Amino acid sequence: MDGKAHFTPEGQAYDAERTPYLEGLGLCVVRFSNADVMSSGEDMCWQIGQELTRAVER
């Protein structure tokens, strides 16, 4: 979950560097805003399930 700090120019620059690093470790980065999770938690869980399914199929 990404809070407000991730939507600042500095936060976005940090994420732009960190995401490829994490993916290089074999991790899948899926980002959700705190607001999305709080208002649509069920949808976020579904999306995470979809990402897990894709990862298993690779």
Protein backbone atom coordinates (compact mmCIF):
# COMPACT_ATOMS: atom_id res chain seq x y z
CA MET A 1 0.00 0.00 0.00
CA ASP A 2 1.28 3.40 -0.93
CA GLY A 3 0.61 6.39 1.26
CA LYS A 4 0.77 10.05 0.33
CA ALA A 5 4.58 10.09 0.25
CA HIS A 6 4.58 7.86 -2.84
CA PHE A 7 2.64 10.45 -4.83
CA THR A 8 5.18 13.25 -4.37
CA PRO A 9 7.86 13.79 -7.01
CA GLU A 10 10.48 12.53 -4.54
CA GLY A 11 8.44 9.44 -3.69
CA GLN A 12 7.84 8.64 -7.32
CA ALA A 13 11.55 9.01 -8.09
CA TYR A 14 12.40 6.68 -5.19
CA ASP A 15 9.84 4.12 -6.36
CA ALA A 16 11.20 4.35 -9.91
CA GLU A 17 14.59 3.23 -8.58
CA ARG A 18 13.33 0.73 -6.03
CA THR A 19 10.81 -1.13 -8.22
CA PRO A 20 13.39 -2.43 -10.76
CA TYR A 21 15.63 -3.48 -7.87
CA LEU A 22 12.82 -5.47 -6.25
CA GLU A 23 11.82 -6.99 -9.58
CA GLY A 24 15.46 -7.95 -10.10
CA LEU A 25 15.17 -9.99 -6.92
CA GLY A 26 12.27 -11.86 -8.50
CA LEU A 27 9.55 -9.96 -6.66
CA CYS A 28 6.41 -8.65 -8.28
CA VAL A 29 5.55 -5.09 -7.27
CA VAL A 30 1.86 -4.25 -7.25
CA ARG A 31 0.96 -0.81 -5.99
CA PHE A 32 -2.29 0.31 -4.39
CA SER A 33 -3.05 3.58 -2.72
CA ASN A 34 -4.17 3.50 0.89
CA ALA A 35 -7.46 5.05 -0.24
CA ASP A 36 -8.07 2.26 -2.77
CA VAL A 37 -7.47 -0.42 -0.17
CA MET A 38 -9.71 1.27 2.38
CA SER A 39 -12.56 1.78 -0.09
CA SER A 40 -12.15 -1.33 -2.29
CA GLY A 41 -10.22 -3.88 -0.25
CA GLU A 42 -12.03 -6.78 -1.85
CA ASP A 43 -11.07 -5.59 -5.33
CA MET A 44 -7.45 -5.21 -4.23
CA CYS A 45 -7.45 -8.80 -2.91
CA TRP A 46 -8.83 -9.99 -6.26
CA GLN A 47 -6.07 -8.14 -8.12
CA ILE A 48 -3.41 -9.64 -5.85
CA GLY A 49 -4.89 -13.07 -6.56
CA GLN A 50 -4.59 -12.39 -10.29
CA GLU A 51 -0.93 -11.46 -9.89
CA LEU A 52 -0.28 -14.62 -7.89
CA THR A 53 -1.93 -16.72 -10.58
CA ARG A 54 0.26 -15.09 -13.26
CA ALA A 55 3.38 -15.70 -11.16
CA VAL A 56 2.58 -19.39 -10.71
CA GLU A 57 1.95 -19.80 -14.45
CA ARG A 58 5.38 -18.37 -15.37
